[in-house]
């Protein structure tokens, strides 16, 4: 239980930092924020809005907020 609460706080602080600094996050950052494996993202990619054309797919901060329910 202690380990999971530590991981939640770390992901939460990462999310707060990224939300304040950026307009979009990478797939790797999204997976770290949500605690997902990359394959889980690809299972749900049709339901997640992405931005293309920046060298790699990016997920807007508003979309991450929608997923988190904020």
Protein backbone atom coordinates (compact mmCIF):
# COMPACT_ATOMS: atom_id res chain seq x y z
CA UNK A 1 0.00 0.00 0.00
CA UNK A 2 2.78 2.43 0.85
CA UNK A 3 4.49 1.73 -2.46
CA UNK A 4 1.36 2.54 -4.47
CA UNK A 5 0.79 5.82 -2.62
CA UNK A 6 4.39 6.84 -3.31
CA UNK A 7 3.95 6.08 -7.02
CA UNK A 8 0.66 8.04 -7.13
CA UNK A 9 2.33 11.08 -5.58
CA UNK A 10 5.22 10.87 -8.04
CA UNK A 11 2.90 10.65 -11.06
CA UNK A 12 0.74 13.42 -9.63
CA UNK A 13 3.70 15.75 -9.22
CA UNK A 14 4.86 14.89 -12.75
CA UNK A 15 1.40 15.72 -14.07
CA UNK A 16 1.26 19.03 -12.17
CA UNK A 17 4.66 20.01 -13.56
CA UNK A 18 3.82 19.07 -17.16
CA UNK A 19 0.41 20.73 -17.04
CA UNK A 20 1.98 24.01 -15.93
CA UNK A 21 4.77 23.97 -18.52
CA UNK A 22 3.40 22.36 -21.67
CA UNK A 23 0.45 22.32 -24.05
CA UNK A 24 0.95 18.64 -24.97
CA UNK A 25 2.66 15.53 -23.62
CA UNK A 26 4.28 12.56 -25.32
CA UNK A 27 2.83 9.06 -25.31
CA UNK A 28 5.52 7.96 -22.85
CA UNK A 29 4.65 10.80 -20.45
CA UNK A 30 0.93 10.03 -20.72
CA UNK A 31 1.58 6.40 -19.86
CA UNK A 32 3.69 7.41 -16.86
CA UNK A 33 1.00 9.83 -15.63
CA UNK A 34 -1.74 7.19 -15.91
CA UNK A 35 0.39 4.26 -14.78
CA UNK A 36 -0.27 2.48 -18.08
CA UNK A 37 1.98 0.26 -20.15
CA UNK A 38 2.52 1.57 -23.67
CA UNK A 39 0.49 -1.30 -25.14
CA UNK A 40 -2.57 -0.14 -23.17
CA UNK A 41 -2.31 3.25 -24.86
CA UNK A 42 -2.34 1.60 -28.27
CA UNK A 43 -5.43 -0.46 -27.34
CA UNK A 44 -7.25 2.82 -26.58
CA UNK A 45 -5.61 5.09 -29.16
CA UNK A 46 -8.77 5.44 -31.25
CA UNK A 47 -10.50 7.09 -28.27
CA UNK A 48 -7.61 9.43 -27.38
CA UNK A 49 -7.12 12.62 -29.39
CA UNK A 50 -3.55 13.11 -30.60
CA UNK A 51 -1.67 15.85 -32.43
CA UNK A 52 0.45 14.75 -35.37
CA UNK A 53 3.10 16.65 -37.27
CA UNK A 54 5.52 17.44 -34.45
CA UNK A 55 7.95 14.59 -35.08
CA UNK A 56 5.96 12.21 -32.88
CA UNK A 57 2.35 11.96 -31.75
CA UNK A 58 1.52 14.28 -28.85
CA UNK A 59 -1.50 14.29 -26.54
CA UNK A 60 -2.96 17.72 -25.65
CA UNK A 61 -3.10 18.61 -21.96
CA UNK A 62 -6.88 19.08 -22.26
CA UNK A 63 -7.19 15.47 -23.42
CA UNK A 64 -5.17 14.23 -20.42
CA UNK A 65 -7.46 16.26 -18.14
CA UNK A 66 -10.48 14.63 -19.82
CA UNK A 67 -9.03 11.16 -19.24
CA UNK A 68 -8.23 11.96 -15.61
CA UNK A 69 -11.68 13.46 -15.10
CA UNK A 70 -10.43 16.88 -14.05
